[in-house]
């Protein structure tokens, strides 16, 4: 089946995803060794090819449009698949002993794993690291099955058969666009939050598990998406609330794109964990990567 002429090259997709993750063309350019002008040109070229405006530009940076958020979500999956392909080819060529497979939940993969992999590459340039983006439930399943050496999860529970160690903490926050009624209202109640259809992460994600454990009886979501980037774009486009990681919305709250909503008597802190098989233990590159993440 021929590839659609509207699909940009992997290098262009990589730049798009970096701009969304870092929030600016300059930061993405530094990561890729490109000038800001070159990054801007690649974005314009990709948008022309796609026929979709991926980003809104402002003096404070760039943010994905609603359609762009979906494109970026699919692009991230394509890049992850390409990385997995590259790692598989390396293994077939006799580099299996140097290969490290890391499975990470979406929030951790979007906001923490990139920095860890860069540090790993600098410290262990011969190690080929493959990162799989999954929800927390699937991450744990892959580690238990031996399909990943390490896993990073956000959920409150650690399945039997896995060891765990805290690597970071965050807090879930309720966010809305500035025009939403909750943005200027008094704190809402947990009951009001539970009965309001939210834009949510998919079933099995650590974010959703944490919310449903803390606020039982939540009504069905208004919309389910599989990345923080897509959720944020949908919140703005749909003028609807969501519960997301504080890591994902720090810049959006600072620049006023989103507003945090207080919920009476409710805090949603959580521990971000690295998990590994209790039977297989840790050694070699997996131990090195854990030390980087926990450091």
C-alpha atoms as a PDB file:
ATOM      1  CA  UNK A   1       0.000   0.000   0.000  1.00  0.00           C
ATOM      2  CA  UNK A   2       1.622   3.321  -1.040  1.00  0.00           C
ATOM      3  CA  UNK A   3       2.221   5.963   1.641  1.00  0.00           C
ATOM      4  CA  UNK A   4      -0.154   8.935   1.449  1.00  0.00           C
ATOM      5  CA  UNK A   5       1.461  12.021  -0.123  1.00  0.00           C
ATOM      6  CA  UNK A   6       0.076  14.009   2.819  1.00  0.00           C
ATOM      7  CA  UNK A   7       2.272  12.217   5.384  1.00  0.00           C
ATOM      8  CA  UNK A   8       5.425  14.209   6.259  1.00  0.00           C
ATOM      9  CA  UNK A   9       8.796  12.508   6.621  1.00  0.00           C
ATOM     10  CA  UNK A  10       9.779  11.140  10.029  1.00  0.00           C
ATOM     11  CA  UNK A  11      12.295  13.963  10.567  1.00  0.00           C
ATOM     12  CA  UNK A  12       9.548  16.551  10.077  1.00  0.00           C
ATOM     13  CA  UNK A  13       7.200  14.694  12.444  1.00  0.00           C
ATOM     14  CA  UNK A  14       9.980  14.552  15.019  1.00  0.00           C
ATOM     15  CA  UNK A  15      10.373  18.336  14.858  1.00  0.00           C
ATOM     16  CA  UNK A  16       6.599  18.879  15.179  1.00  0.00           C
ATOM     17  CA  UNK A  17       6.393  16.665  18.265  1.00  0.00           C
ATOM     18  CA  UNK A  18       9.420  18.382  19.836  1.00  0.00           C
ATOM     19  CA  UNK A  19       7.890  21.835  19.319  1.00  0.00           C
ATOM     20  CA  UNK A  20       4.657  20.681  21.007  1.00  0.00           C
ATOM     21  CA  UNK A  21       6.514  19.081  23.918  1.00  0.00           C
ATOM     22  CA  UNK A  22       8.877  22.018  24.519  1.00  0.00           C
ATOM     23  CA  UNK A  23       6.411  24.795  23.716  1.00  0.00           C
ATOM     24  CA  UNK A  24       8.713  26.845  21.512  1.00  0.00           C
ATOM     25  CA  UNK A  25      10.473  26.665  18.163  1.00  0.00           C
ATOM     26  CA  UNK A  26      13.727  27.897  19.661  1.00  0.00           C
ATOM     27  CA  UNK A  27      13.877  25.115  22.242  1.00  0.00           C
ATOM     28  CA  UNK A  28      13.021  22.517  19.605  1.00  0.00           C
ATOM     29  CA  UNK A  29      15.729  23.934  17.343  1.00  0.00           C
ATOM     30  CA  UNK A  30      18.338  23.579  20.078  1.00  0.00           C
ATOM     31  CA  UNK A  31      17.286  19.974  20.655  1.00  0.00           C
ATOM     32  CA  UNK A  32      17.594  19.142  16.941  1.00  0.00           C
ATOM     33  CA  UNK A  33      20.595  21.338  16.124  1.00  0.00           C
ATOM     34  CA  UNK A  34      18.495  23.626  13.902  1.00  0.00           C
ATOM     35  CA  UNK A  35      17.924  27.364  13.824  1.00  0.00           C
ATOM     36  CA  UNK A  36      14.539  28.709  14.883  1.00  0.00           C
ATOM     37  CA  UNK A  37      13.991  29.824  11.283  1.00  0.00           C
ATOM     38  CA  UNK A  38      14.669  26.291  10.034  1.00  0.00           C
ATOM     39  CA  UNK A  39      12.193  24.843  12.547  1.00  0.00           C
ATOM     40  CA  UNK A  40       9.569  27.400  11.513  1.00  0.00           C
ATOM     41  CA  UNK A  41      10.125  26.527   7.864  1.00  0.00           C
ATOM     42  CA  UNK A  42       9.708  22.814   8.562  1.00  0.00           C
ATOM     43  CA  UNK A  43       6.469  23.456  10.427  1.00  0.00           C
ATOM     44  CA  UNK A  44       5.051  25.558   7.589  1.00  0.00           C
ATOM     45  CA  UNK A  45       6.071  22.911   5.061  1.00  0.00           C
ATOM     46  CA  UNK A  46       4.458  20.135   7.119  1.00  0.00           C
ATOM     47  CA  UNK A  47       1.268  22.177   7.587  1.00  0.00           C
ATOM     48  CA  UNK A  48       1.030  22.789   3.832  1.00  0.00           C
ATOM     49  CA  UNK A  49       1.520  19.091   3.177  1.00  0.00           C
ATOM     50  CA  UNK A  50      -1.056  18.071   5.779  1.00  0.00           C
ATOM     51  CA  UNK A  51      -3.529  20.778   4.810  1.00  0.00           C
ATOM     52  CA  UNK A  52      -3.976  21.436   8.554  1.00  0.00           C
ATOM     53  CA  UNK A  53      -2.745  24.217  10.837  1.00  0.00           C
ATOM     54  CA  UNK A  54      -0.922  22.307  13.570  1.00  0.00           C
ATOM     55  CA  UNK A  55       0.066  25.222  15.833  1.00  0.00           C
ATOM     56  CA  UNK A  56      -1.245  28.584  16.954  1.00  0.00           C
ATOM     57  CA  UNK A  57       1.640  31.069  17.139  1.00  0.00           C
ATOM     58  CA  UNK A  58       1.937  33.736  19.843  1.00  0.00           C
ATOM     59  CA  UNK A  59       4.701  35.860  21.338  1.00  0.00           C
ATOM     60  CA  UNK A  60       4.749  33.531  24.355  1.00  0.00           C
ATOM     61  CA  UNK A  61       5.302  30.426  22.231  1.00  0.00           C
ATOM     62  CA  UNK A  62       3.278  27.955  20.211  1.00  0.00           C
ATOM     63  CA  UNK A  63       0.367  25.729  21.188  1.00  0.00           C
ATOM     64  CA  UNK A  64      -1.320  22.964  19.195  1.00  0.00           C
ATOM     65  CA  UNK A  65      -4.684  23.585  17.592  1.00  0.00           C
ATOM     66  CA  UNK A  66      -7.400  21.013  18.252  1.00  0.00           C
ATOM     67  CA  UNK A  67      -6.718  19.309  14.922  1.00  0.00           C
ATOM     68  CA  UNK A  68      -2.984  19.712  15.497  1.00  0.00           C
ATOM     69  CA  UNK A  69      -3.247  17.944  18.849  1.00  0.00           C
ATOM     70  CA  UNK A  70      -4.681  14.898  17.131  1.00  0.00           C
ATOM     71  CA  UNK A  71      -2.002  15.001  14.410  1.00  0.00           C
ATOM     72  CA  UNK A  72       0.709  15.246  17.075  1.00  0.00           C
ATOM     73  CA  UNK A  73      -0.771  12.317  18.980  1.00  0.00           C
ATOM     74  CA  UNK A  74      -0.677  10.155  15.850  1.00  0.00           C
ATOM     75  CA  UNK A  75       2.795  11.446  14.964  1.00  0.00           C
ATOM     76  CA  UNK A  76       4.110  10.436  18.388  1.00  0.00           C
ATOM     77  CA  UNK A  77       2.797   6.921  17.813  1.00  0.00           C
ATOM     78  CA  UNK A  78       4.420   6.814  14.380  1.00  0.00           C
ATOM     79  CA  UNK A  79       7.765   7.935  15.811  1.00  0.00           C
ATOM     80  CA  UNK A  80       7.539   5.369  18.604  1.00  0.00           C
ATOM     81  CA  UNK A  81       6.860   2.658  16.027  1.00  0.00           C
ATOM     82  CA  UNK A  82       9.826   3.831  13.940  1.00  0.00           C
ATOM     83  CA  UNK A  83      12.072   3.756  17.007  1.00  0.00           C
ATOM     84  CA  UNK A  84      10.872   0.254  17.804  1.00  0.00           C
ATOM     85  CA  UNK A  85      11.613  -0.786  14.211  1.00  0.00           C
ATOM     86  CA  UNK A  86      15.127   0.663  14.439  1.00  0.00           C
ATOM     87  CA  UNK A  87      15.767  -1.106  17.725  1.00  0.00           C
ATOM     88  CA  UNK A  88      14.470  -4.378  16.310  1.00  0.00           C
ATOM     89  CA  UNK A  89      16.779  -4.104  13.312  1.00  0.00           C
ATOM     90  CA  UNK A  90      19.707  -3.397  15.650  1.00  0.00           C
ATOM     91  CA  UNK A  91      18.843  -6.510  17.631  1.00  0.00           C
ATOM     92  CA  UNK A  92      18.705  -8.631  14.472  1.00  0.00           C
ATOM     93  CA  UNK A  93      22.166  -7.334  13.563  1.00  0.00           C
ATOM     94  CA  UNK A  94      23.630  -8.715  16.778  1.00  0.00           C
ATOM     95  CA  UNK A  95      23.151  -5.731  19.080  1.00  0.00           C
ATOM     96  CA  UNK A  96      20.589  -7.435  21.302  1.00  0.00           C
ATOM     97  CA  UNK A  97      22.836  -7.352  24.390  1.00  0.00           C
ATOM     98  CA  UNK A  98      23.087  -3.572  24.124  1.00  0.00           C
ATOM     99  CA  UNK A  99      19.350  -3.051  23.728  1.00  0.00           C
ATOM    100  CA  UNK A 100      17.174  -1.585  26.481  1.00  0.00           C
ATOM    101  CA  UNK A 101      13.401  -1.470  26.189  1.00  0.00           C
ATOM    102  CA  UNK A 102      11.572   1.070  28.334  1.00  0.00           C
ATOM    103  CA  UNK A 103       7.764   1.237  28.516  1.00  0.00           C
ATOM    104  CA  UNK A 104       6.359   4.500  29.864  1.00  0.00           C
ATOM    105  CA  UNK A 105       2.926   5.914  30.551  1.00  0.00           C
ATOM    106  CA  UNK A 106       2.025   8.877  28.374  1.00  0.00           C
ATOM    107  CA  UNK A 107       2.550  11.704  30.885  1.00  0.00           C
ATOM    108  CA  UNK A 108       5.956  10.416  31.955  1.00  0.00           C
ATOM    109  CA  UNK A 109       6.890   9.675  28.348  1.00  0.00           C
ATOM    110  CA  UNK A 110       5.945  13.177  27.206  1.00  0.00           C
ATOM    111  CA  UNK A 111       7.544  15.205  29.998  1.00  0.00           C
ATOM    112  CA  UNK A 112      10.293  13.169  31.703  1.00  0.00           C
ATOM    113  CA  UNK A 113      11.566  10.313  29.535  1.00  0.00           C
ATOM    114  CA  UNK A 114      13.121  12.505  26.801  1.00  0.00           C
ATOM    115  CA  UNK A 115      15.578  14.046  29.238  1.00  0.00           C
ATOM    116  CA  UNK A 116      16.457  10.662  30.709  1.00  0.00           C
ATOM    117  CA  UNK A 117      17.128   9.115  27.294  1.00  0.00           C
ATOM    118  CA  UNK A 118      19.428  11.989  26.318  1.00  0.00           C
ATOM    119  CA  UNK A 119      21.425  11.491  29.534  1.00  0.00           C
ATOM    120  CA  UNK A 120      21.502   7.732  28.926  1.00  0.00           C
ATOM    121  CA  UNK A 121      22.859   8.250  25.415  1.00  0.00           C
ATOM    122  CA  UNK A 122      25.611  10.510  26.714  1.00  0.00           C
ATOM    123  CA  UNK A 123      26.628   8.112  29.474  1.00  0.00           C
ATOM    124  CA  UNK A 124      26.178   4.889  27.462  1.00  0.00           C
ATOM    125  CA  UNK A 125      26.528   5.753  23.757  1.00  0.00           C
ATOM    126  CA  UNK A 126      26.601   2.081  22.707  1.00  0.00           C
ATOM    127  CA  UNK A 127      23.235   1.280  24.319  1.00  0.00           C
ATOM    128  CA  UNK A 128      20.221   1.277  22.012  1.00  0.00           C
ATOM    129  CA  UNK A 129      17.187   2.424  24.015  1.00  0.00           C
ATOM    130  CA  UNK A 130      13.681   1.787  22.712  1.00  0.00           C
ATOM    131  CA  UNK A 131      10.800   3.662  24.384  1.00  0.00           C
ATOM    132  CA  UNK A 132       7.216   2.419  24.129  1.00  0.00           C
ATOM    133  CA  UNK A 133       4.380   4.847  24.924  1.00  0.00           C
ATOM    134  CA  UNK A 134       1.501   3.078  26.668  1.00  0.00           C
ATOM    135  CA  UNK A 135      -0.961   3.653  29.476  1.00  0.00           C
ATOM    136  CA  UNK A 136       0.033   2.557  32.990  1.00  0.00           C
ATOM    137  CA  UNK A 137      -1.926  -0.705  32.880  1.00  0.00           C
ATOM    138  CA  UNK A 138      -0.252  -1.801  29.644  1.00  0.00           C
ATOM    139  CA  UNK A 139       3.186  -0.720  30.892  1.00  0.00           C
ATOM    140  CA  UNK A 140       2.893  -3.028  33.901  1.00  0.00           C
ATOM    141  CA  UNK A 141       1.669  -5.871  31.678  1.00  0.00           C
ATOM    142  CA  UNK A 142       4.659  -5.516  29.324  1.00  0.00           C
ATOM    143  CA  UNK A 143       7.160  -5.563  32.181  1.00  0.00           C
ATOM    144  CA  UNK A 144       5.505  -8.614  33.745  1.00  0.00           C
ATOM    145  CA  UNK A 145       5.581 -10.384  30.363  1.00  0.00           C
ATOM    146  CA  UNK A 146       9.277  -9.624  29.870  1.00  0.00           C
ATOM    147  CA  UNK A 147       8.588  -7.420  26.838  1.00  0.00           C
ATOM    148  CA  UNK A 148      10.089  -4.348  28.549  1.00  0.00           C
ATOM    149  CA  UNK A 149      13.085  -4.130  30.887  1.00  0.00           C
ATOM    150  CA  UNK A 150      11.752  -1.134  32.812  1.00  0.00           C
ATOM    151  CA  UNK A 151       8.358   0.521  33.116  1.00  0.00           C
ATOM    152  CA  UNK A 152       7.262   3.946  34.301  1.00  0.00           C
ATOM    153  CA  UNK A 153       3.722   4.241  35.656  1.00  0.00           C
ATOM    154  CA  UNK A 154       1.465   6.847  37.230  1.00  0.00           C
ATOM    155  CA  UNK A 155      -1.233   4.663  38.755  1.00  0.00           C
ATOM    156  CA  UNK A 156      -1.674   4.223  42.492  1.00  0.00           C
ATOM    157  CA  UNK A 157      -1.311   0.430  42.417  1.00  0.00           C
ATOM    158  CA  UNK A 158       1.686  -1.814  41.656  1.00  0.00           C
ATOM    159  CA  UNK A 159       0.715  -5.295  40.377  1.00  0.00           C
ATOM    160  CA  UNK A 160       2.062  -8.370  42.128  1.00  0.00           C
ATOM    161  CA  UNK A 161       5.350  -9.574  40.672  1.00  0.00           C
ATOM    162  CA  UNK A 162       6.820  -6.100  40.233  1.00  0.00           C
ATOM    163  CA  UNK A 163       9.229  -4.083  42.350  1.00  0.00           C
ATOM    164  CA  UNK A 164       8.756  -0.316  42.370  1.00  0.00           C
ATOM    165  CA  UNK A 165      10.668   2.836  43.247  1.00  0.00           C
ATOM    166  CA  UNK A 166       9.535   6.459  43.243  1.00  0.00           C
ATOM    167  CA  UNK A 167      11.265   8.651  40.652  1.00  0.00           C
ATOM    168  CA  UNK A 168       9.144  11.821  40.814  1.00  0.00           C
ATOM    169  CA  UNK A 169       5.879  13.308  42.058  1.00  0.00           C
ATOM    170  CA  UNK A 170       3.176  15.368  40.456  1.00  0.00           C
ATOM    171  CA  UNK A 171      -0.387  16.392  41.210  1.00  0.00           C
ATOM    172  CA  UNK A 172      -3.517  16.140  39.131  1.00  0.00           C
ATOM    173  CA  UNK A 173      -5.345  19.426  38.604  1.00  0.00           C
ATOM    174  CA  UNK A 174      -8.731  20.363  37.191  1.00  0.00           C
ATOM    175  CA  UNK A 175      -8.306  22.769  34.277  1.00  0.00           C
ATOM    176  CA  UNK A 176     -10.661  24.765  32.074  1.00  0.00           C
ATOM    177  CA  UNK A 177     -10.226  27.503  29.448  1.00  0.00           C
ATOM    178  CA  UNK A 178     -10.536  31.114  30.703  1.00  0.00           C
ATOM    179  CA  UNK A 179     -14.067  31.442  29.292  1.00  0.00           C
ATOM    180  CA  UNK A 180     -15.497  28.451  31.164  1.00  0.00           C
ATOM    181  CA  UNK A 181     -17.936  29.181  34.060  1.00  0.00           C
ATOM    182  CA  UNK A 182     -15.639  27.373  36.528  1.00  0.00           C
ATOM    183  CA  UNK A 183     -12.746  29.725  35.708  1.00  0.00           C
ATOM    184  CA  UNK A 184     -14.186  32.601  37.744  1.00  0.00           C
ATOM    185  CA  UNK A 185     -16.467  30.719  40.119  1.00  0.00           C
ATOM    186  CA  UNK A 186     -15.956  29.715  43.732  1.00  0.00           C
ATOM    187  CA  UNK A 187     -14.363  26.312  44.359  1.00  0.00           C
ATOM    188  CA  UNK A 188     -16.466  23.467  43.021  1.00  0.00           C
ATOM    189  CA  UNK A 189     -17.408  20.407  45.060  1.00  0.00           C
ATOM    190  CA  UNK A 190     -16.251  16.831  44.437  1.00  0.00           C
ATOM    191  CA  UNK A 191     -19.891  15.970  43.712  1.00  0.00           C
ATOM    192  CA  UNK A 192     -20.055  18.611  40.969  1.00  0.00           C
ATOM    193  CA  UNK A 193     -16.800  17.303  39.504  1.00  0.00           C
ATOM    194  CA  UNK A 194     -18.086  13.709  39.548  1.00  0.00           C
ATOM    195  CA  UNK A 195     -21.331  14.553  37.756  1.00  0.00           C
ATOM    196  CA  UNK A 196     -19.697  16.674  35.037  1.00  0.00           C
ATOM    197  CA  UNK A 197     -18.619  14.914  31.819  1.00  0.00           C
ATOM    198  CA  UNK A 198     -14.882  15.553  31.476  1.00  0.00           C
ATOM    199  CA  UNK A 199     -12.365  15.291  28.690  1.00  0.00           C
ATOM    200  CA  UNK A 200     -10.356  12.359  30.014  1.00  0.00           C
ATOM    201  CA  UNK A 201      -7.474  10.094  29.276  1.00  0.00           C
ATOM    202  CA  UNK A 202      -8.335   6.594  28.136  1.00  0.00           C
ATOM    203  CA  UNK A 203      -9.373   3.782  30.468  1.00  0.00           C
ATOM    204  CA  UNK A 204      -6.285   2.198  32.062  1.00  0.00           C
ATOM    205  CA  UNK A 205      -4.246   5.402  32.202  1.00  0.00           C
ATOM    206  CA  UNK A 206      -2.686   6.390  35.523  1.00  0.00           C
ATOM    207  CA  UNK A 207      -4.378   9.788  35.391  1.00  0.00           C
ATOM    208  CA  UNK A 208      -7.829   8.294  35.039  1.00  0.00           C
ATOM    209  CA  UNK A 209      -7.241   5.581  37.646  1.00  0.00           C
ATOM    210  CA  UNK A 210      -6.071   8.175  40.187  1.00  0.00           C
ATOM    211  CA  UNK A 211      -9.108  10.398  39.573  1.00  0.00           C
ATOM    212  CA  UNK A 212     -11.638   7.566  39.764  1.00  0.00           C
ATOM    213  CA  UNK A 213     -10.088   6.219  42.978  1.00  0.00           C
ATOM    214  CA  UNK A 214     -10.277   9.671  44.589  1.00  0.00           C
ATOM    215  CA  UNK A 215     -13.684  10.683  43.174  1.00  0.00           C
ATOM    216  CA  UNK A 216     -15.913   7.593  42.915  1.00  0.00           C
ATOM    217  CA  UNK A 217     -18.968   7.644  40.690  1.00  0.00           C
ATOM    218  CA  UNK A 218     -17.642   9.890  37.913  1.00  0.00           C
ATOM    219  CA  UNK A 219     -20.035  10.043  34.961  1.00  0.00           C
ATOM    220  CA  UNK A 220     -18.884   8.835  31.563  1.00  0.00           C
ATOM    221  CA  UNK A 221     -16.298  11.082  29.875  1.00  0.00           C
ATOM    222  CA  UNK A 222     -17.287  13.673  27.323  1.00  0.00           C
ATOM    223  CA  UNK A 223     -14.296  12.565  25.239  1.00  0.00           C
ATOM    224  CA  UNK A 224     -11.428  10.102  25.692  1.00  0.00           C
ATOM    225  CA  UNK A 225      -7.930  10.793  24.318  1.00  0.00           C
ATOM    226  CA  UNK A 226      -4.579   9.068  24.667  1.00  0.00           C
ATOM    227  CA  UNK A 227      -2.160  11.933  25.328  1.00  0.00           C
ATOM    228  CA  UNK A 228      -1.918  15.057  27.472  1.00  0.00           C
ATOM    229  CA  UNK A 229      -1.317  17.182  24.388  1.00  0.00           C
ATOM    230  CA  UNK A 230      -4.563  16.041  22.781  1.00  0.00           C
ATOM    231  CA  UNK A 231      -6.510  16.516  26.033  1.00  0.00           C
ATOM    232  CA  UNK A 232      -5.278  20.109  26.433  1.00  0.00           C
ATOM    233  CA  UNK A 233      -6.167  20.991  22.851  1.00  0.00           C
ATOM    234  CA  UNK A 234      -9.646  19.510  23.290  1.00  0.00           C
ATOM    235  CA  UNK A 235     -10.192  21.459  26.530  1.00  0.00           C
ATOM    236  CA  UNK A 236      -9.565  24.744  24.716  1.00  0.00           C
ATOM    237  CA  UNK A 237     -11.518  23.815  21.597  1.00  0.00           C
ATOM    238  CA  UNK A 238     -14.485  22.337  23.441  1.00  0.00           C
ATOM    239  CA  UNK A 239     -14.615  24.752  26.422  1.00  0.00           C
ATOM    240  CA  UNK A 240     -14.811  21.727  28.700  1.00  0.00           C
ATOM    241  CA  UNK A 241     -12.975  20.668  31.876  1.00  0.00           C
ATOM    242  CA  UNK A 242     -10.325  17.985  32.262  1.00  0.00           C
ATOM    243  CA  UNK A 243      -8.156  16.529  35.002  1.00  0.00           C
ATOM    244  CA  UNK A 244      -4.499  16.390  33.978  1.00  0.00           C
ATOM    245  CA  UNK A 245      -0.992  16.217  35.387  1.00  0.00           C
ATOM    246  CA  UNK A 246       0.512  19.436  36.739  1.00  0.00           C
ATOM    247  CA  UNK A 247       3.591  18.555  34.647  1.00  0.00           C
ATOM    248  CA  UNK A 248       1.521  18.814  31.485  1.00  0.00           C
ATOM    249  CA  UNK A 249      -0.107  22.199  32.149  1.00  0.00           C
ATOM    250  CA  UNK A 250       2.531  24.238  33.994  1.00  0.00           C
ATOM    251  CA  UNK A 251       3.257  26.464  30.980  1.00  0.00           C
ATOM    252  CA  UNK A 252      -0.432  26.698  29.999  1.00  0.00           C
ATOM    253  CA  UNK A 253      -1.382  27.946  33.474  1.00  0.00           C
ATOM    254  CA  UNK A 254       1.443  30.490  33.467  1.00  0.00           C
ATOM    255  CA  UNK A 255       0.505  32.002  30.095  1.00  0.00           C
ATOM    256  CA  UNK A 256      -3.232  31.977  30.857  1.00  0.00           C
ATOM    257  CA  UNK A 257      -4.255  29.514  28.155  1.00  0.00           C
ATOM    258  CA  UNK A 258      -5.778  27.325  30.899  1.00  0.00           C
ATOM    259  CA  UNK A 259      -7.081  28.056  34.414  1.00  0.00           C
ATOM    260  CA  UNK A 260      -6.763  25.758  37.429  1.00  0.00           C
ATOM    261  CA  UNK A 261     -10.006  25.068  39.309  1.00  0.00           C
ATOM    262  CA  UNK A 262     -10.035  24.426  43.059  1.00  0.00           C
ATOM    263  CA  UNK A 263     -12.086  21.478  44.323  1.00  0.00           C
ATOM    264  CA  UNK A 264     -13.231  21.683  47.940  1.00  0.00           C
ATOM    265  CA  UNK A 265     -11.298  19.295  50.164  1.00  0.00           C
ATOM    266  CA  UNK A 266      -9.729  17.457  47.235  1.00  0.00           C
ATOM    267  CA  UNK A 267      -6.038  17.085  46.446  1.00  0.00           C
ATOM    268  CA  UNK A 268      -4.747  14.577  43.909  1.00  0.00           C
ATOM    269  CA  UNK A 269      -1.009  14.087  44.508  1.00  0.00           C
ATOM    270  CA  UNK A 270       0.595  10.964  43.129  1.00  0.00           C
ATOM    271  CA  UNK A 271       3.895   9.181  42.976  1.00  0.00           C
ATOM    272  CA  UNK A 272       5.468   8.451  39.612  1.00  0.00           C
ATOM    273  CA  UNK A 273       7.090   5.043  39.781  1.00  0.00           C
ATOM    274  CA  UNK A 274       9.612   2.920  37.937  1.00  0.00           C
ATOM    275  CA  UNK A 275       8.703  -0.781  37.992  1.00  0.00           C
ATOM    276  CA  UNK A 276      10.658  -3.892  37.103  1.00  0.00           C
ATOM    277  CA  UNK A 277      10.250  -7.656  37.314  1.00  0.00           C
ATOM    278  CA  UNK A 278      10.779  -9.130  40.762  1.00  0.00           C
ATOM    279  CA  UNK A 279      11.952 -12.383  39.137  1.00  0.00           C
ATOM    280  CA  UNK A 280      14.422 -10.962  36.617  1.00  0.00           C
ATOM    281  CA  UNK A 281      15.757  -8.104  38.729  1.00  0.00           C
ATOM    282  CA  UNK A 282      17.865  -5.269  37.349  1.00  0.00           C
ATOM    283  CA  UNK A 283      21.279  -5.295  35.740  1.00  0.00           C
ATOM    284  CA  UNK A 284      23.361  -3.540  33.125  1.00  0.00           C
ATOM    285  CA  UNK A 285      21.636  -0.811  31.079  1.00  0.00           C
ATOM    286  CA  UNK A 286      18.355  -1.186  32.986  1.00  0.00           C
ATOM    287  CA  UNK A 287      20.090  -0.404  36.269  1.00  0.00           C
ATOM    288  CA  UNK A 288      21.866   2.574  34.664  1.00  0.00           C
ATOM    289  CA  UNK A 289      18.601   3.980  33.299  1.00  0.00           C
ATOM    290  CA  UNK A 290      16.859   3.594  36.654  1.00  0.00           C
ATOM    291  CA  UNK A 291      19.696   5.468  38.392  1.00  0.00           C
ATOM    292  CA  UNK A 292      19.356   8.321  35.883  1.00  0.00           C
ATOM    293  CA  UNK A 293      15.572   8.530  36.364  1.00  0.00           C
ATOM    294  CA  UNK A 294      15.787   8.336  40.158  1.00  0.00           C
ATOM    295  CA  UNK A 295      18.661  10.823  40.345  1.00  0.00           C
END
